[in-house]
Amino acid sequence: MKIHGPDEPVYTISVAARLLGVGAQTLRMLEREGLVSPARTENNIRLYSENDLKTLQRILELCRQGINLAGIRVILEMEKKEHAGKK
């Protein structure tokens, strides 16, 4: 049974960080770099969706391969265009 959709922001930064095995500061840095844009509540609390977590997982995988943030940005854009072309 699905309770929410993949684009619905439901995970707080602490939960997202725990699920991804990184610190909250890492997620804040990736947001500052423009690689991910979590939704915000009225109280300015970050909320991540399942799709945000998948994107972050991909970013972290690329980081572990030694690719810098500029390179990751290019790769994500290429993958996004490739995915859009398949629809």
PDB file of N, CA and C in Angstrom:
ATOM      1  N   MET A   1       0.836  -1.178   0.000  1.00  0.00           N
ATOM      2  CA  MET A   1       0.000   0.000   0.000  1.00  0.00           C
ATOM      3  C   MET A   1       0.888   1.251   0.000  1.00  0.00           C
ATOM      4  N   LYS A   2       0.693   2.110  -0.978  1.00  0.00           N
ATOM      5  CA  LYS A   2       1.444   3.369  -1.062  1.00  0.00           C
ATOM      6  C   LYS A   2       0.698   4.448  -0.297  1.00  0.00           C
ATOM      7  N   ILE A   3       1.387   5.127   0.575  1.00  0.00           N
ATOM      8  CA  ILE A   3       0.775   6.193   1.368  1.00  0.00           C
ATOM      9  C   ILE A   3       0.960   7.544   0.678  1.00  0.00           C
ATOM     10  N   HIS A   4       2.061   7.702  -0.043  1.00  0.00           N
ATOM     11  CA  HIS A   4       2.338   8.974  -0.722  1.00  0.00           C
ATOM     12  C   HIS A   4       3.036   8.698  -2.046  1.00  0.00           C
ATOM     13  N   GLY A   5       2.981   9.674  -2.927  1.00  0.00           N
ATOM     14  CA  GLY A   5       3.614   9.541  -4.233  1.00  0.00           C
ATOM     15  C   GLY A   5       5.094   9.868  -4.188  1.00  0.00           C
ATOM     16  N   PRO A   6       5.839   9.547  -5.257  1.00  0.00           N
ATOM     17  CA  PRO A   6       7.293   9.750  -5.271  1.00  0.00           C
ATOM     18  C   PRO A   6       7.721  11.215  -5.289  1.00  0.00           C
ATOM     19  N   ASP A   7       6.816  12.121  -5.641  1.00  0.00           N
ATOM     20  CA  ASP A   7       7.159  13.542  -5.653  1.00  0.00           C
ATOM     21  C   ASP A   7       6.674  14.288  -4.420  1.00  0.00           C
ATOM     22  N   GLU A   8       5.958  13.601  -3.541  1.00  0.00           N
ATOM     23  CA  GLU A   8       5.419  14.260  -2.355  1.00  0.00           C
ATOM     24  C   GLU A   8       6.502  14.424  -1.293  1.00  0.00           C
ATOM     25  N   PRO A   9       6.776  15.668  -0.885  1.00  0.00           N
ATOM     26  CA  PRO A   9       7.823  15.896   0.117  1.00  0.00           C
ATOM     27  C   PRO A   9       7.364  15.472   1.509  1.00  0.00           C
ATOM     28  N   VAL A  10       8.022  14.474   2.063  1.00  0.00           N
ATOM     29  CA  VAL A  10       7.607  13.947   3.365  1.00  0.00           C
ATOM     30  C   VAL A  10       8.762  13.710   4.340  1.00  0.00           C
ATOM     31  N   TYR A  11       9.998  13.642   3.860  1.00  0.00           N
ATOM     32  CA  TYR A  11      11.133  13.302   4.724  1.00  0.00           C
ATOM     33  C   TYR A  11      11.865  14.558   5.195  1.00  0.00           C
ATOM     34  N   THR A  12      11.998  14.711   6.505  1.00  0.00           N
ATOM     35  CA  THR A  12      12.779  15.839   7.030  1.00  0.00           C
ATOM     36  C   THR A  12      14.260  15.611   6.730  1.00  0.00           C
ATOM     37  N   ILE A  13      15.060  16.637   6.902  1.00  0.00           N
ATOM     38  CA  ILE A  13      16.482  16.532   6.580  1.00  0.00           C
ATOM     39  C   ILE A  13      17.165  15.466   7.434  1.00  0.00           C
ATOM     40  N   SER A  14      16.774  15.346   8.696  1.00  0.00           N
ATOM     41  CA  SER A  14      17.419  14.344   9.554  1.00  0.00           C
ATOM     42  C   SER A  14      17.075  12.924   9.100  1.00  0.00           C
ATOM     43  N   VAL A  15      15.840  12.714   8.689  1.00  0.00           N
ATOM     44  CA  VAL A  15      15.435  11.389   8.204  1.00  0.00           C
ATOM     45  C   VAL A  15      16.123  11.098   6.868  1.00  0.00           C
ATOM     46  N   ALA A  16      16.133  12.078   5.965  1.00  0.00           N
ATOM     47  CA  ALA A  16      16.789  11.895   4.665  1.00  0.00           C
ATOM     48  C   ALA A  16      18.271  11.581   4.855  1.00  0.00           C
ATOM     49  N   ALA A  17      18.934  12.326   5.740  1.00  0.00           N
ATOM     50  CA  ALA A  17      20.354  12.103   5.991  1.00  0.00           C
ATOM     51  C   ALA A  17      20.594  10.695   6.527  1.00  0.00           C
ATOM     52  N   ARG A  18      19.755  10.260   7.444  1.00  0.00           N
ATOM     53  CA  ARG A  18      19.901   8.915   8.006  1.00  0.00           C
ATOM     54  C   ARG A  18      19.683   7.847   6.935  1.00  0.00           C
ATOM     55  N   LEU A  19      18.662   8.019   6.105  1.00  0.00           N
ATOM     56  CA  LEU A  19      18.389   7.048   5.042  1.00  0.00           C
ATOM     57  C   LEU A  19      19.538   6.963   4.039  1.00  0.00           C
ATOM     58  N   LEU A  20      20.202   8.097   3.782  1.00  0.00           N
ATOM     59  CA  LEU A  20      21.289   8.144   2.810  1.00  0.00           C
ATOM     60  C   LEU A  20      22.658   7.849   3.426  1.00  0.00           C
ATOM     61  N   GLY A  21      22.733   7.844   4.735  1.00  0.00           N
ATOM     62  CA  GLY A  21      24.001   7.567   5.415  1.00  0.00           C
ATOM     63  C   GLY A  21      24.981   8.719   5.366  1.00  0.00           C
ATOM     64  N   VAL A  22      24.452   9.948   5.361  1.00  0.00           N
ATOM     65  CA  VAL A  22      25.306  11.141   5.360  1.00  0.00           C
ATOM     66  C   VAL A  22      24.813  12.083   6.447  1.00  0.00           C
ATOM     67  N   GLY A  23      25.562  13.150   6.659  1.00  0.00           N
ATOM     68  CA  GLY A  23      25.148  14.158   7.622  1.00  0.00           C
ATOM     69  C   GLY A  23      24.213  15.188   7.003  1.00  0.00           C
ATOM     70  N   ALA A  24      23.453  15.837   7.846  1.00  0.00           N
ATOM     71  CA  ALA A  24      22.540  16.883   7.377  1.00  0.00           C
ATOM     72  C   ALA A  24      23.312  18.014   6.696  1.00  0.00           C
ATOM     73  N   GLN A  25      24.521  18.293   7.166  1.00  0.00           N
ATOM     74  CA  GLN A  25      25.340  19.350   6.548  1.00  0.00           C
ATOM     75  C   GLN A  25      25.653  19.025   5.097  1.00  0.00           C
ATOM     76  N   THR A  26      25.844  17.755   4.784  1.00  0.00           N
ATOM     77  CA  THR A  26      26.097  17.343   3.401  1.00  0.00           C
ATOM     78  C   THR A  26      24.896  17.687   2.533  1.00  0.00           C
ATOM     79  N   LEU A  27      23.696  17.407   3.033  1.00  0.00           N
ATOM     80  CA  LEU A  27      22.490  17.713   2.270  1.00  0.00           C
ATOM     81  C   LEU A  27      22.314  19.219   2.099  1.00  0.00           C
ATOM     82  N   ARG A  28      22.637  19.982   3.144  1.00  0.00           N
ATOM     83  CA  ARG A  28      22.556  21.446   3.036  1.00  0.00           C
ATOM     84  C   ARG A  28      23.535  21.965   1.990  1.00  0.00           C
ATOM     85  N   MET A  29      24.735  21.410   1.963  1.00  0.00           N
ATOM     86  CA  MET A  29      25.750  21.829   0.997  1.00  0.00           C
ATOM     87  C   MET A  29      25.303  21.514  -0.426  1.00  0.00           C
ATOM     88  N   LEU A  30      24.738  20.334  -0.645  1.00  0.00           N
ATOM     89  CA  LEU A  30      24.263  19.961  -1.980  1.00  0.00           C
ATOM     90  C   LEU A  30      23.122  20.867  -2.421  1.00  0.00           C
ATOM     91  N   GLU A  31      22.310  21.308  -1.470  1.00  0.00           N
ATOM     92  CA  GLU A  31      21.250  22.271  -1.795  1.00  0.00           C
ATOM     93  C   GLU A  31      21.862  23.627  -2.164  1.00  0.00           C
ATOM     94  N   ARG A  32      22.843  24.088  -1.390  1.00  0.00           N
ATOM     95  CA  ARG A  32      23.517  25.368  -1.701  1.00  0.00           C
ATOM     96  C   ARG A  32      24.147  25.337  -3.087  1.00  0.00           C
ATOM     97  N   GLU A  33      24.654  24.176  -3.478  1.00  0.00           N
ATOM     98  CA  GLU A  33      25.281  24.017  -4.790  1.00  0.00           C
ATOM     99  C   GLU A  33      24.251  23.903  -5.917  1.00  0.00           C
ATOM    100  N   GLY A  34      22.974  23.825  -5.549  1.00  0.00           N
ATOM    101  CA  GLY A  34      21.912  23.773  -6.549  1.00  0.00           C
ATOM    102  C   GLY A  34      21.673  22.402  -7.151  1.00  0.00           C
ATOM    103  N   LEU A  35      22.176  21.361  -6.516  1.00  0.00           N
ATOM    104  CA  LEU A  35      22.010  20.011  -7.042  1.00  0.00           C
ATOM    105  C   LEU A  35      20.682  19.384  -6.639  1.00  0.00           C
ATOM    106  N   VAL A  36      20.074  19.908  -5.600  1.00  0.00           N
ATOM    107  CA  VAL A  36      18.769  19.427  -5.152  1.00  0.00           C
ATOM    108  C   VAL A  36      18.030  20.600  -4.520  1.00  0.00           C
ATOM    109  N   SER A  37      16.713  20.602  -4.657  1.00  0.00           N
ATOM    110  CA  SER A  37      15.895  21.678  -4.100  1.00  0.00           C
ATOM    111  C   SER A  37      14.712  21.085  -3.346  1.00  0.00           C
ATOM    112  N   PRO A  38      14.916  20.785  -2.074  1.00  0.00           N
ATOM    113  CA  PRO A  38      13.802  20.214  -1.310  1.00  0.00           C
ATOM    114  C   PRO A  38      12.690  21.242  -1.121  1.00  0.00           C
ATOM    115  N   ALA A  39      11.489  20.745  -0.916  1.00  0.00           N
ATOM    116  CA  ALA A  39      10.367  21.625  -0.613  1.00  0.00           C
ATOM    117  C   ALA A  39      10.580  22.214   0.786  1.00  0.00           C
ATOM    118  N   ARG A  40       9.855  23.279   1.070  1.00  0.00           N
ATOM    119  CA  ARG A  40       9.936  23.906   2.396  1.00  0.00           C
ATOM    120  C   ARG A  40       8.539  24.061   2.968  1.00  0.00           C
ATOM    121  N   THR A  41       8.436  23.883   4.268  1.00  0.00           N
ATOM    122  CA  THR A  41       7.167  24.114   4.954  1.00  0.00           C
ATOM    123  C   THR A  41       7.036  25.611   5.222  1.00  0.00           C
ATOM    124  N   GLU A  42       5.900  26.006   5.780  1.00  0.00           N
ATOM    125  CA  GLU A  42       5.707  27.412   6.158  1.00  0.00           C
ATOM    126  C   GLU A  42       6.750  27.852   7.179  1.00  0.00           C
ATOM    127  N   ASN A  43       7.240  26.917   7.987  1.00  0.00           N
ATOM    128  CA  ASN A  43       8.257  27.215   9.003  1.00  0.00           C
ATOM    129  C   ASN A  43       9.667  27.035   8.460  1.00  0.00           C
ATOM    130  N   ASN A  44       9.795  26.895   7.140  1.00  0.00           N
ATOM    131  CA  ASN A  44      11.079  26.793   6.443  1.00  0.00           C
ATOM    132  C   ASN A  44      11.822  25.477   6.712  1.00  0.00           C
ATOM    133  N   ILE A  45      11.102  24.441   7.061  1.00  0.00           N
ATOM    134  CA  ILE A  45      11.709  23.127   7.278  1.00  0.00           C
ATOM    135  C   ILE A  45      11.808  22.417   5.936  1.00  0.00           C
ATOM    136  N   ARG A  46      12.989  21.870   5.647  1.00  0.00           N
ATOM    137  CA  ARG A  46      13.189  21.139   4.393  1.00  0.00           C
ATOM    138  C   ARG A  46      12.443  19.812   4.443  1.00  0.00           C
ATOM    139  N   LEU A  47      11.783  19.484   3.317  1.00  0.00           N
ATOM    140  CA  LEU A  47      11.132  18.186   3.181  1.00  0.00           C
ATOM    141  C   LEU A  47      11.540  17.580   1.839  1.00  0.00           C
ATOM    142  N   TYR A  48      12.015  16.361   1.890  1.00  0.00           N
ATOM    143  CA  TYR A  48      12.498  15.662   0.708  1.00  0.00           C
ATOM    144  C   TYR A  48      11.488  14.611   0.265  1.00  0.00           C
ATOM    145  N   SER A  49      11.356  14.433  -1.038  1.00  0.00           N
ATOM    146  CA  SER A  49      10.484  13.394  -1.603  1.00  0.00           C
ATOM    147  C   SER A  49      11.327  12.147  -1.896  1.00  0.00           C
ATOM    148  N   GLU A  50      10.666  11.075  -2.269  1.00  0.00           N
ATOM    149  CA  GLU A  50      11.393   9.869  -2.677  1.00  0.00           C
ATOM    150  C   GLU A  50      12.268  10.158  -3.894  1.00  0.00           C
ATOM    151  N   ASN A  51      11.752  10.949  -4.829  1.00  0.00           N
ATOM    152  CA  ASN A  51      12.547  11.296  -6.011  1.00  0.00           C
ATOM    153  C   ASN A  51      13.766  12.140  -5.635  1.00  0.00           C
ATOM    154  N   ASP A  52      13.614  13.041  -4.646  1.00  0.00           N
ATOM    155  CA  ASP A  52      14.774  13.799  -4.151  1.00  0.00           C
ATOM    156  C   ASP A  52      15.816  12.833  -3.592  1.00  0.00           C
ATOM    157  N   LEU A  53      15.362  11.834  -2.844  1.00  0.00           N
ATOM    158  CA  LEU A  53      16.291  10.864  -2.259  1.00  0.00           C
ATOM    159  C   LEU A  53      17.010  10.070  -3.346  1.00  0.00           C
ATOM    160  N   LYS A  54      16.302   9.719  -4.417  1.00  0.00           N
ATOM    161  CA  LYS A  54      16.941   9.009  -5.531  1.00  0.00           C
ATOM    162  C   LYS A  54      18.000   9.882  -6.195  1.00  0.00           C
ATOM    163  N   THR A  55      17.684  11.155  -6.376  1.00  0.00           N
ATOM    164  CA  THR A  55      18.658  12.085  -6.956  1.00  0.00           C
ATOM    165  C   THR A  55      19.869  12.208  -6.041  1.00  0.00           C
ATOM    166  N   LEU A  56      19.630  12.362  -4.761  1.00  0.00           N
ATOM    167  CA  LEU A  56      20.731  12.469  -3.805  1.00  0.00           C
ATOM    168  C   LEU A  56      21.574  11.205  -3.779  1.00  0.00           C
ATOM    169  N   GLN A  57      20.921  10.064  -3.880  1.00  0.00           N
ATOM    170  CA  GLN A  57      21.644   8.791  -3.919  1.00  0.00           C
ATOM    171  C   GLN A  57      22.581   8.767  -5.132  1.00  0.00           C
ATOM    172  N   ARG A  58      22.094   9.233  -6.272  1.00  0.00           N
ATOM    173  CA  ARG A  58      22.907   9.289  -7.496  1.00  0.00           C
ATOM    174  C   ARG A  58      24.077  10.255  -7.309  1.00  0.00           C
ATOM    175  N   ILE A  59      23.813  11.411  -6.725  1.00  0.00           N
ATOM    176  CA  ILE A  59      24.866  12.400  -6.479  1.00  0.00           C
ATOM    177  C   ILE A  59      25.950  11.807  -5.584  1.00  0.00           C
ATOM    178  N   LEU A  60      25.549  11.155  -4.525  1.00  0.00           N
ATOM    179  CA  LEU A  60      26.516  10.569  -3.595  1.00  0.00           C
ATOM    180  C   LEU A  60      27.319   9.458  -4.258  1.00  0.00           C
ATOM    181  N   GLU A  61      26.673   8.688  -5.100  1.00  0.00           N
ATOM    182  CA  GLU A  61      27.363   7.635  -5.854  1.00  0.00           C
ATOM    183  C   GLU A  61      28.436   8.257  -6.757  1.00  0.00           C
ATOM    184  N   LEU A  62      28.098   9.336  -7.440  1.00  0.00           N
ATOM    185  CA  LEU A  62      29.064  10.009  -8.320  1.00  0.00           C
ATOM    186  C   LEU A  62      30.208  10.630  -7.511  1.00  0.00           C
ATOM    187  N   CYS A  63      29.888  11.186  -6.339  1.00  0.00           N
ATOM    188  CA  CYS A  63      30.931  11.741  -5.451  1.00  0.00           C
ATOM    189  C   CYS A  63      31.919  10.649  -5.036  1.00  0.00           C
ATOM    190  N   ARG A  64      31.395   9.486  -4.710  1.00  0.00           N
ATOM    191  CA  ARG A  64      32.250   8.375  -4.276  1.00  0.00           C
ATOM    192  C   ARG A  64      33.148   7.883  -5.411  1.00  0.00           C
ATOM    193  N   GLN A  65      32.731   8.146  -6.655  1.00  0.00           N
ATOM    194  CA  GLN A  65      33.545   7.789  -7.815  1.00  0.00           C
ATOM    195  C   GLN A  65      34.607   8.855  -8.112  1.00  0.00           C
ATOM    196  N   GLY A  66      34.625   9.923  -7.310  1.00  0.00           N
ATOM    197  CA  GLY A  66      35.638  10.956  -7.464  1.00  0.00           C
ATOM    198  C   GLY A  66      35.259  12.087  -8.401  1.00  0.00           C
ATOM    199  N   ILE A  67      34.000  12.179  -8.785  1.00  0.00           N
ATOM    200  CA  ILE A  67      33.558  13.246  -9.685  1.00  0.00           C
ATOM    201  C   ILE A  67      33.227  14.482  -8.857  1.00  0.00           C
ATOM    202  N   ASN A  68      33.722  15.649  -9.299  1.00  0.00           N
ATOM    203  CA  ASN A  68      33.469  16.883  -8.561  1.00  0.00           C
ATOM    204  C   ASN A  68      32.050  17.382  -8.812  1.00  0.00           C
ATOM    205  N   LEU A  69      31.627  18.385  -8.042  1.00  0.00           N
ATOM    206  CA  LEU A  69      30.248  18.853  -8.112  1.00  0.00           C
ATOM    207  C   LEU A  69      29.890  19.442  -9.469  1.00  0.00           C
ATOM    208  N   ALA A  70      30.828  20.120 -10.118  1.00  0.00           N
ATOM    209  CA  ALA A  70      30.566  20.658 -11.456  1.00  0.00           C
ATOM    210  C   ALA A  70      30.307  19.515 -12.440  1.00  0.00           C
ATOM    211  N   GLY A  71      31.084  18.463 -12.345  1.00  0.00           N
ATOM    212  CA  GLY A  71      30.899  17.302 -13.201  1.00  0.00           C
ATOM    213  C   GLY A  71      29.581  16.609 -12.920  1.00  0.00           C
ATOM    214  N   ILE A  72      29.233  16.528 -11.654  1.00  0.00           N
ATOM    215  CA  ILE A  72      27.967  15.902 -11.272  1.00  0.00           C
ATOM    216  C   ILE A  72      26.795  16.694 -11.849  1.00  0.00           C
ATOM    217  N   ARG A  73      26.900  18.017 -11.790  1.00  0.00           N
ATOM    218  CA  ARG A  73      25.849  18.874 -12.340  1.00  0.00           C
ATOM    219  C   ARG A  73      25.633  18.569 -13.827  1.00  0.00           C
ATOM    220  N   VAL A  74      26.726  18.436 -14.572  1.00  0.00           N
ATOM    221  CA  VAL A  74      26.656  18.145 -16.012  1.00  0.00           C
ATOM    222  C   VAL A  74      26.037  16.766 -16.244  1.00  0.00           C
ATOM    223  N   ILE A  75      26.487  15.783 -15.491  1.00  0.00           N
ATOM    224  CA  ILE A  75      25.970  14.418 -15.633  1.00  0.00           C
ATOM    225  C   ILE A  75      24.470  14.377 -15.351  1.00  0.00           C
ATOM    226  N   LEU A  76      24.037  15.036 -14.280  1.00  0.00           N
ATOM    227  CA  LEU A  76      22.613  15.033 -13.935  1.00  0.00           C
ATOM    228  C   LEU A  76      21.781  15.685 -15.034  1.00  0.00           C
ATOM    229  N   GLU A  77      22.287  16.779 -15.598  1.00  0.00           N
ATOM    230  CA  GLU A  77      21.572  17.448 -16.695  1.00  0.00           C
ATOM    231  C   GLU A  77      21.460  16.533 -17.911  1.00  0.00           C
ATOM    232  N   MET A  78      22.555  15.857 -18.240  1.00  0.00           N
ATOM    233  CA  MET A  78      22.539  14.936 -19.376  1.00  0.00           C
ATOM    234  C   MET A  78      21.550  13.797 -19.139  1.00  0.00           C
ATOM    235  N   GLU A  79      21.564  13.238 -17.933  1.00  0.00           N
ATOM    236  CA  GLU A  79      20.647  12.150 -17.605  1.00  0.00           C
ATOM    237  C   GLU A  79      19.192  12.628 -17.636  1.00  0.00           C
ATOM    238  N   LYS A  80      18.959  13.852 -17.184  1.00  0.00           N
ATOM    239  CA  LYS A  80      17.612  14.420 -17.197  1.00  0.00           C
ATOM    240  C   LYS A  80      17.109  14.576 -18.633  1.00  0.00           C
ATOM    241  N   LYS A  81      17.981  15.081 -19.521  1.00  0.00           N
ATOM    242  CA  LYS A  81      17.609  15.252 -20.926  1.00  0.00           C
ATOM    243  C   LYS A  81      17.382  13.902 -21.593  1.00  0.00           C
ATOM    244  N   GLU A  82      18.235  12.937 -21.282  1.00  0.00           N
ATOM    245  CA  GLU A  82      18.098  11.603 -21.845  1.00  0.00           C
ATOM    246  C   GLU A  82      16.782  10.963 -21.415  1.00  0.00           C
ATOM    247  N   HIS A  83      16.452  11.121 -20.140  1.00  0.00           N
ATOM    248  CA  HIS A  83      15.199  10.571 -19.601  1.00  0.00           C
ATOM    249  C   HIS A  83      13.991  11.248 -20.245  1.00  0.00           C
ATOM    250  N   ALA A  84      14.052  12.573 -20.431  1.00  0.00           N
ATOM    251  CA  ALA A  84      12.956  13.310 -21.038  1.00  0.00           C
ATOM    252  C   ALA A  84      12.770  12.892 -22.507  1.00  0.00           C
ATOM    253  N   GLY A  85      13.853  12.557 -23.174  1.00  0.00           N
ATOM    254  CA  GLY A  85      13.792  12.132 -24.560  1.00  0.00           C
ATOM    255  C   GLY A  85      13.150  10.772 -24.750  1.00  0.00           C
ATOM    256  N   LYS A  86      13.170   9.954 -23.696  1.00  0.00           N
ATOM    257  CA  LYS A  86      12.592   8.603 -23.767  1.00  0.00           C
ATOM    258  C   LYS A  86      11.091   8.594 -23.507  1.00  0.00           C
ATOM    259  N   LYS A  87      10.564   9.718 -23.031  1.00  0.00           N
ATOM    260  CA  LYS A  87       9.121   9.776 -22.736  1.00  0.00           C
ATOM    261  C   LYS A  87       8.311   9.994 -23.962  1.00  0.00           C
TER     262      LYS A  87
END
